């Protein structure tokens, strides 16, 4: 079955989903961010088929989210986040915060985040880049941007 090409839509959410909307992609990014760099490590952790993992890794490399770096003489590679990929991890941290709040249950969050700058356990929150106040769905209006359809 042919997948819809969200990358052609005039919507930044749809275009982002075109890159990481397939369910394995965010989990692969999470694992690479957590330090799993090699194919076999990723496959073992995720329990994903070699074929699907290969397809997902190629897709993420093609979109500039991951880069391959050789680690021995055979054609073997480690995968590393690019700057573009690291910014996608910011999105994953926001998703994790939502999951921690609404889905973690009594056990609590499975992962804590210690902020390098202050050394404290913290969480990600959205704030306005101008006034630094919290920014949530009910705090904004959607306006046409320069890339909107006429």
N, C-alpha and C. Protein backbone atom coordinates (compact mmCIF):
# COMPACT_ATOMS: atom_id res chain seq x y z
N UNK A 1 0.84 -1.18 0.00
CA UNK A 1 0.00 0.00 0.00
C UNK A 1 0.89 1.25 0.00
N UNK A 2 0.59 2.20 -0.86
CA UNK A 2 1.36 3.44 -0.97
C UNK A 2 1.02 4.36 0.20
N UNK A 3 2.05 4.87 0.85
CA UNK A 3 1.89 5.79 1.97
C UNK A 3 1.66 7.20 1.45
N UNK A 4 0.79 7.94 2.12
CA UNK A 4 0.56 9.34 1.77
C UNK A 4 1.84 10.12 1.96
N UNK A 5 2.16 11.01 1.01
CA UNK A 5 3.34 11.84 1.12
C UNK A 5 2.98 13.12 1.86
N UNK A 6 3.19 13.13 3.15
CA UNK A 6 2.88 14.30 3.96
C UNK A 6 3.85 15.44 3.69
N UNK A 7 5.01 15.15 3.13
CA UNK A 7 6.01 16.17 2.87
C UNK A 7 5.57 17.19 1.84
N UNK A 8 4.57 16.86 1.03
CA UNK A 8 4.06 17.79 0.01
C UNK A 8 2.97 18.71 0.54
N UNK A 9 2.49 18.46 1.76
CA UNK A 9 1.42 19.29 2.32
C UNK A 9 1.98 20.63 2.80
N UNK A 10 1.17 21.65 2.71
CA UNK A 10 1.57 22.98 3.20
C UNK A 10 1.22 23.05 4.68
N UNK A 11 1.99 22.31 5.48
CA UNK A 11 1.77 22.21 6.92
C UNK A 11 3.05 21.69 7.55
N UNK A 12 3.60 22.43 8.50
CA UNK A 12 4.86 22.02 9.12
C UNK A 12 4.70 20.75 9.95
N UNK A 13 3.53 20.53 10.53
CA UNK A 13 3.30 19.30 11.28
C UNK A 13 3.31 18.12 10.32
N UNK A 14 2.61 18.24 9.20
CA UNK A 14 2.58 17.15 8.21
C UNK A 14 3.98 16.87 7.67
N UNK A 15 4.75 17.92 7.40
CA UNK A 15 6.10 17.73 6.87
C UNK A 15 7.00 17.05 7.89
N UNK A 16 6.83 17.37 9.16
CA UNK A 16 7.60 16.71 10.22
C UNK A 16 7.20 15.24 10.31
N UNK A 17 5.89 14.97 10.20
CA UNK A 17 5.43 13.59 10.23
C UNK A 17 5.97 12.78 9.06
N UNK A 18 6.22 13.44 7.94
CA UNK A 18 6.81 12.75 6.80
C UNK A 18 8.19 12.21 7.13
N UNK A 19 8.89 12.89 8.04
CA UNK A 19 10.24 12.47 8.43
C UNK A 19 10.19 11.47 9.58
N UNK A 20 9.39 11.74 10.61
CA UNK A 20 9.41 10.87 11.81
C UNK A 20 8.04 10.33 12.21
N UNK A 21 7.07 10.35 11.30
CA UNK A 21 5.72 9.92 11.64
C UNK A 21 5.52 8.42 11.69
N UNK A 22 6.41 7.67 11.10
CA UNK A 22 6.32 6.22 11.17
C UNK A 22 6.71 5.82 12.59
N UNK A 23 5.98 4.93 13.24
CA UNK A 23 6.18 4.68 14.69
C UNK A 23 7.59 4.28 15.12
N UNK A 24 8.38 3.63 14.27
CA UNK A 24 9.72 3.22 14.69
C UNK A 24 10.71 4.39 14.74
N UNK A 25 10.50 5.40 13.91
CA UNK A 25 11.48 6.48 13.78
C UNK A 25 11.75 7.22 15.09
N UNK A 26 10.73 7.66 15.84
CA UNK A 26 11.03 8.34 17.10
C UNK A 26 11.76 7.43 18.10
N UNK A 27 11.46 6.14 18.06
CA UNK A 27 12.12 5.21 18.98
C UNK A 27 13.59 5.00 18.58
N UNK A 28 13.86 5.00 17.29
CA UNK A 28 15.25 4.92 16.83
C UNK A 28 16.00 6.17 17.25
N UNK A 29 15.39 7.34 17.06
CA UNK A 29 16.04 8.59 17.49
C UNK A 29 16.29 8.58 18.99
N UNK A 30 15.33 8.12 19.76
CA UNK A 30 15.49 8.03 21.22
C UNK A 30 16.70 7.17 21.57
N UNK A 31 16.81 6.02 20.92
CA UNK A 31 17.91 5.11 21.23
C UNK A 31 19.27 5.69 20.83
N UNK A 32 19.34 6.34 19.66
CA UNK A 32 20.60 6.96 19.24
C UNK A 32 20.97 8.07 20.22
N UNK A 33 20.01 8.86 20.64
CA UNK A 33 20.24 9.93 21.62
C UNK A 33 20.74 9.34 22.94
N UNK A 34 20.21 8.17 23.31
CA UNK A 34 20.59 7.52 24.57
C UNK A 34 21.96 6.83 24.47
N UNK A 35 22.56 6.81 23.27
CA UNK A 35 23.91 6.27 23.14
C UNK A 35 24.02 4.96 22.38
N UNK A 36 22.92 4.43 21.90
CA UNK A 36 22.98 3.21 21.08
C UNK A 36 23.26 3.65 19.65
N UNK A 37 24.42 3.33 19.15
CA UNK A 37 24.85 3.86 17.86
C UNK A 37 24.92 2.81 16.75
N UNK A 38 25.01 1.55 17.13
CA UNK A 38 25.24 0.51 16.13
C UNK A 38 23.96 -0.26 15.82
N UNK A 39 23.91 -0.75 14.59
CA UNK A 39 22.73 -1.43 14.08
C UNK A 39 22.26 -2.53 15.03
N UNK A 40 23.19 -3.41 15.43
CA UNK A 40 22.81 -4.54 16.28
C UNK A 40 22.28 -4.09 17.63
N UNK A 41 22.83 -3.01 18.20
CA UNK A 41 22.32 -2.47 19.46
C UNK A 41 20.88 -1.99 19.30
N UNK A 42 20.64 -1.27 18.21
CA UNK A 42 19.30 -0.75 17.95
C UNK A 42 18.31 -1.89 17.73
N UNK A 43 18.72 -2.87 16.94
CA UNK A 43 17.82 -3.98 16.66
C UNK A 43 17.49 -4.76 17.92
N UNK A 44 18.48 -5.01 18.76
CA UNK A 44 18.26 -5.74 20.00
C UNK A 44 17.34 -4.97 20.94
N UNK A 45 17.58 -3.69 21.09
CA UNK A 45 16.76 -2.90 22.01
C UNK A 45 15.32 -2.78 21.55
N UNK A 46 15.13 -2.58 20.25
CA UNK A 46 13.79 -2.34 19.73
C UNK A 46 13.04 -3.62 19.38
N UNK A 47 13.75 -4.70 19.11
CA UNK A 47 13.08 -5.92 18.67
C UNK A 47 12.47 -5.76 17.28
N UNK A 48 13.06 -4.93 16.48
CA UNK A 48 12.57 -4.60 15.15
C UNK A 48 13.26 -5.51 14.13
N UNK A 49 12.60 -5.79 13.01
CA UNK A 49 13.23 -6.63 11.99
C UNK A 49 14.39 -5.87 11.35
N UNK A 50 15.36 -6.61 10.85
CA UNK A 50 16.52 -5.99 10.21
C UNK A 50 16.09 -5.17 8.99
N UNK A 51 15.13 -5.68 8.24
CA UNK A 51 14.65 -4.99 7.05
C UNK A 51 14.03 -3.64 7.41
N UNK A 52 13.14 -3.63 8.39
CA UNK A 52 12.48 -2.39 8.78
C UNK A 52 13.49 -1.41 9.38
N UNK A 53 14.40 -1.90 10.21
CA UNK A 53 15.41 -1.01 10.79
C UNK A 53 16.28 -0.39 9.70
N UNK A 54 16.69 -1.19 8.74
CA UNK A 54 17.49 -0.68 7.62
C UNK A 54 16.73 0.42 6.88
N UNK A 55 15.46 0.18 6.57
CA UNK A 55 14.64 1.17 5.87
C UNK A 55 14.52 2.46 6.68
N UNK A 56 14.27 2.33 7.97
CA UNK A 56 14.10 3.51 8.83
C UNK A 56 15.40 4.29 8.96
N UNK A 57 16.50 3.59 9.16
CA UNK A 57 17.79 4.27 9.26
C UNK A 57 18.12 5.00 7.96
N UNK A 58 17.90 4.34 6.81
CA UNK A 58 18.15 4.99 5.52
C UNK A 58 17.29 6.24 5.37
N UNK A 59 16.03 6.15 5.76
CA UNK A 59 15.11 7.28 5.67
C UNK A 59 15.60 8.45 6.54
N UNK A 60 16.00 8.16 7.75
CA UNK A 60 16.47 9.21 8.67
C UNK A 60 17.79 9.82 8.19
N UNK A 61 18.66 9.01 7.60
CA UNK A 61 19.91 9.53 7.03
C UNK A 61 19.58 10.39 5.80
N UNK A 62 18.69 9.90 4.94
CA UNK A 62 18.32 10.65 3.73
C UNK A 62 17.72 12.02 4.06
N UNK A 63 17.04 12.11 5.20
CA UNK A 63 16.42 13.38 5.61
C UNK A 63 17.34 14.23 6.49
N UNK A 64 18.59 13.81 6.65
CA UNK A 64 19.56 14.61 7.38
C UNK A 64 19.37 14.64 8.88
N UNK A 65 18.66 13.65 9.42
CA UNK A 65 18.40 13.58 10.86
C UNK A 65 19.49 12.78 11.56
N UNK A 66 19.97 11.74 10.89
CA UNK A 66 21.08 10.93 11.38
C UNK A 66 22.19 10.97 10.35
N UNK A 67 23.42 10.73 10.81
CA UNK A 67 24.53 10.54 9.89
C UNK A 67 25.22 9.23 10.22
N UNK A 68 25.73 8.59 9.17
CA UNK A 68 26.50 7.36 9.33
C UNK A 68 27.97 7.71 9.47
N UNK A 69 28.63 6.99 10.40
CA UNK A 69 30.09 7.12 10.54
C UNK A 69 30.67 5.71 10.58
N UNK A 70 31.62 5.42 9.69
CA UNK A 70 32.21 4.08 9.70
C UNK A 70 32.97 3.83 11.00
N UNK A 71 32.91 2.57 11.49
CA UNK A 71 33.66 2.26 12.71
C UNK A 71 34.61 1.09 12.56
N UNK A 72 34.68 0.46 11.39
CA UNK A 72 35.75 -0.50 11.12
C UNK A 72 35.93 -0.63 9.61
N UNK A 73 36.84 -1.49 9.19
CA UNK A 73 37.17 -1.61 7.77
C UNK A 73 36.05 -2.20 6.93
N UNK A 74 35.23 -3.04 7.56
CA UNK A 74 34.08 -3.57 6.83
C UNK A 74 33.06 -2.43 6.69
N UNK A 75 32.10 -2.58 5.82
CA UNK A 75 31.11 -1.50 5.73
C UNK A 75 30.14 -1.55 6.92
N UNK A 76 30.63 -1.13 8.08
CA UNK A 76 29.81 -1.05 9.29
C UNK A 76 29.81 0.39 9.77
N UNK A 77 28.65 0.80 10.25
CA UNK A 77 28.49 2.20 10.60
C UNK A 77 27.88 2.37 11.98
N UNK A 78 28.22 3.49 12.58
CA UNK A 78 27.51 3.97 13.75
C UNK A 78 26.60 5.11 13.27
N UNK A 79 25.54 5.33 13.99
CA UNK A 79 24.59 6.39 13.65
C UNK A 79 24.65 7.46 14.72
N UNK A 80 24.71 8.71 14.28
CA UNK A 80 24.81 9.86 15.18
C UNK A 80 23.76 10.89 14.78
N UNK A 81 23.24 11.58 15.78
CA UNK A 81 22.30 12.67 15.51
C UNK A 81 23.03 13.82 14.84
N UNK A 82 22.40 14.41 13.85
CA UNK A 82 22.87 15.66 13.28
C UNK A 82 22.26 16.79 14.12
N UNK A 83 22.58 18.02 13.79
CA UNK A 83 21.96 19.16 14.47
C UNK A 83 20.44 19.09 14.26
N UNK A 84 20.04 18.77 13.06
CA UNK A 84 18.62 18.63 12.72
C UNK A 84 17.99 17.53 13.57
N UNK A 85 18.69 16.42 13.75
CA UNK A 85 18.18 15.32 14.56
C UNK A 85 18.09 15.67 16.03
N UNK A 86 19.09 16.40 16.54
CA UNK A 86 19.07 16.80 17.95
C UNK A 86 17.87 17.70 18.24
N UNK A 87 17.50 18.55 17.27
CA UNK A 87 16.32 19.39 17.47
C UNK A 87 15.05 18.55 17.47
N UNK A 88 15.03 17.45 16.75
CA UNK A 88 13.87 16.55 16.82
C UNK A 88 13.78 15.88 18.19
N UNK A 89 14.90 15.63 18.83
CA UNK A 89 14.89 15.06 20.17
C UNK A 89 14.20 16.02 21.15
N UNK A 90 14.33 17.33 20.90
CA UNK A 90 13.59 18.29 21.73
C UNK A 90 12.09 17.99 21.67
N UNK A 91 11.61 17.69 20.48
CA UNK A 91 10.20 17.32 20.30
C UNK A 91 9.88 16.04 21.07
N UNK A 92 10.78 15.08 21.03
CA UNK A 92 10.57 13.82 21.75
C UNK A 92 10.52 14.06 23.26
N UNK A 93 11.31 15.00 23.77
CA UNK A 93 11.27 15.30 25.20
C UNK A 93 9.92 15.90 25.60
N UNK A 94 9.34 16.71 24.73
CA UNK A 94 8.01 17.24 25.00
C UNK A 94 6.98 16.10 24.98
N UNK A 95 7.11 15.18 24.03
CA UNK A 95 6.22 14.02 23.98
C UNK A 95 6.37 13.17 25.24
N UNK A 96 7.59 12.99 25.69
CA UNK A 96 7.83 12.20 26.91
C UNK A 96 7.18 12.88 28.11
N UNK A 97 7.24 14.20 28.18
CA UNK A 97 6.59 14.92 29.28
C UNK A 97 5.10 14.68 29.30
N UNK A 98 4.48 14.68 28.14
CA UNK A 98 3.05 14.39 28.05
C UNK A 98 2.78 12.96 28.51
N UNK A 99 3.58 12.02 28.04
CA UNK A 99 3.42 10.63 28.46
C UNK A 99 3.64 10.45 29.95
N UNK A 100 4.62 11.16 30.51
CA UNK A 100 4.86 11.08 31.96
C UNK A 100 3.65 11.58 32.73
N UNK A 101 3.05 12.66 32.26
CA UNK A 101 1.91 13.25 32.96
C UNK A 101 0.65 12.41 32.85
N UNK A 102 0.37 11.91 31.66
CA UNK A 102 -0.92 11.29 31.41
C UNK A 102 -0.90 9.76 31.36
N UNK A 103 0.25 9.14 31.20
CA UNK A 103 0.29 7.69 30.97
C UNK A 103 1.19 6.91 31.92
N UNK A 104 2.04 7.57 32.69
CA UNK A 104 3.02 6.85 33.51
C UNK A 104 2.39 6.10 34.68
N UNK A 105 1.25 6.55 35.15
CA UNK A 105 0.58 5.86 36.25
C UNK A 105 1.32 6.01 37.57
N UNK A 106 1.00 5.15 38.50
CA UNK A 106 1.59 5.23 39.84
C UNK A 106 3.08 4.99 39.86
N UNK A 107 3.58 4.23 38.91
CA UNK A 107 5.01 3.93 38.87
C UNK A 107 5.84 5.19 38.61
N UNK A 108 5.24 6.16 37.95
CA UNK A 108 5.97 7.40 37.64
C UNK A 108 6.72 7.30 36.34
N UNK A 109 7.41 8.37 35.97
CA UNK A 109 8.11 8.39 34.68
C UNK A 109 9.25 7.38 34.64
N UNK A 110 9.45 6.75 33.48
CA UNK A 110 10.53 5.77 33.35
C UNK A 110 11.91 6.41 33.22
N UNK A 111 11.98 7.69 32.88
CA UNK A 111 13.25 8.38 32.69
C UNK A 111 13.14 9.76 33.33
N UNK A 112 14.22 10.18 33.98
CA UNK A 112 14.31 11.54 34.52
C UNK A 112 15.35 12.30 33.72
N UNK A 113 15.23 13.61 33.68
CA UNK A 113 16.13 14.45 32.90
C UNK A 113 16.87 15.40 33.84
N UNK A 114 18.21 15.27 33.88
CA UNK A 114 19.03 16.18 34.67
C UNK A 114 19.59 17.23 33.72
N UNK A 115 19.31 18.48 34.01
CA UNK A 115 19.73 19.60 33.17
C UNK A 115 21.21 19.90 33.41
N UNK A 116 22.01 19.91 32.36
CA UNK A 116 23.45 20.16 32.49
C UNK A 116 23.76 21.50 33.12
N UNK A 117 23.02 22.53 32.75
CA UNK A 117 23.34 23.89 33.22
C UNK A 117 23.22 24.05 34.72
N UNK A 118 22.20 23.42 35.34
CA UNK A 118 21.99 23.62 36.78
C UNK A 118 22.16 22.35 37.60
N UNK A 119 22.22 21.19 36.93
CA UNK A 119 22.40 19.93 37.63
C UNK A 119 21.15 19.38 38.28
N UNK A 120 20.02 20.04 38.08
CA UNK A 120 18.77 19.62 38.71
C UNK A 120 17.96 18.72 37.79
N UNK A 121 17.16 17.84 38.41
CA UNK A 121 16.19 17.04 37.66
C UNK A 121 15.08 17.99 37.25
N UNK A 122 14.73 17.99 35.98
CA UNK A 122 13.76 18.94 35.48
C UNK A 122 12.90 18.30 34.40
N UNK A 123 12.06 19.09 33.80
CA UNK A 123 11.24 18.66 32.67
C UNK A 123 11.20 19.79 31.65
N UNK A 124 10.86 19.45 30.45
CA UNK A 124 10.77 20.41 29.37
C UNK A 124 9.42 21.11 29.45
N UNK A 125 9.41 22.40 29.23
CA UNK A 125 8.14 23.10 29.10
C UNK A 125 8.25 24.12 27.98
N UNK A 126 7.13 24.39 27.36
CA UNK A 126 7.11 25.36 26.26
C UNK A 126 6.93 26.75 26.83
N UNK A 127 7.70 27.67 26.28
CA UNK A 127 7.57 29.07 26.71
C UNK A 127 7.77 29.97 25.51
N UNK A 128 7.24 31.17 25.62
CA UNK A 128 7.34 32.16 24.55
C UNK A 128 8.78 32.64 24.41
N UNK A 129 9.26 32.70 23.19
CA UNK A 129 10.63 33.16 22.95
C UNK A 129 10.79 34.67 23.16
N UNK A 130 9.68 35.39 23.28
CA UNK A 130 9.77 36.84 23.50
C UNK A 130 9.62 37.22 24.98
N UNK A 131 8.60 36.69 25.65
CA UNK A 131 8.33 37.12 27.03
C UNK A 131 8.68 36.06 28.06
N UNK A 132 9.01 34.84 27.61
CA UNK A 132 9.40 33.72 28.47
C UNK A 132 8.25 33.16 29.32
N UNK A 133 7.02 33.58 29.07
CA UNK A 133 5.87 33.03 29.80
C UNK A 133 5.50 31.69 29.19
N UNK A 134 4.83 30.82 29.98
CA UNK A 134 4.40 29.52 29.43
C UNK A 134 3.57 29.70 28.16
N UNK A 135 3.70 28.73 27.27
CA UNK A 135 3.01 28.80 25.98
C UNK A 135 2.36 27.45 25.71
N UNK A 136 1.04 27.43 25.73
CA UNK A 136 0.28 26.21 25.50
C UNK A 136 -0.75 26.47 24.40
N UNK A 137 -1.45 25.44 23.99
CA UNK A 137 -2.40 25.54 22.88
C UNK A 137 -3.42 26.66 23.09
N UNK A 138 -3.91 26.83 24.31
CA UNK A 138 -4.93 27.85 24.55
C UNK A 138 -4.34 29.26 24.70
N UNK A 139 -3.03 29.40 24.60
CA UNK A 139 -2.37 30.69 24.77
C UNK A 139 -1.96 31.35 23.44
N UNK A 140 -2.30 30.73 22.32
CA UNK A 140 -1.85 31.25 21.03
C UNK A 140 -3.00 31.33 20.03
N UNK A 141 -2.84 32.19 19.05
CA UNK A 141 -3.72 32.25 17.89
C UNK A 141 -2.92 31.77 16.69
N UNK A 142 -3.57 31.06 15.80
CA UNK A 142 -2.91 30.61 14.57
C UNK A 142 -3.16 31.65 13.49
N UNK A 143 -2.08 32.15 12.90
CA UNK A 143 -2.16 33.16 11.85
C UNK A 143 -1.45 32.64 10.60
N UNK A 144 -1.85 33.07 9.42
CA UNK A 144 -1.15 32.62 8.22
C UNK A 144 0.31 33.10 8.24
N UNK A 145 1.21 32.19 7.88
CA UNK A 145 2.62 32.53 7.80
C UNK A 145 3.04 32.83 6.38
N UNK A 146 4.29 33.20 6.18
CA UNK A 146 4.77 33.54 4.84
C UNK A 146 4.70 32.36 3.87
N UNK A 147 4.71 31.14 4.36
CA UNK A 147 4.65 29.97 3.50
C UNK A 147 3.24 29.43 3.27
N UNK A 148 2.23 30.16 3.78
CA UNK A 148 0.85 29.70 3.66
C UNK A 148 0.39 29.82 2.20
N UNK A 149 -0.62 29.06 1.87
CA UNK A 149 -1.22 29.17 0.53
C UNK A 149 -1.91 30.52 0.40
N UNK A 150 -1.88 31.09 -0.80
CA UNK A 150 -2.56 32.39 -0.99
C UNK A 150 -4.08 32.26 -0.84
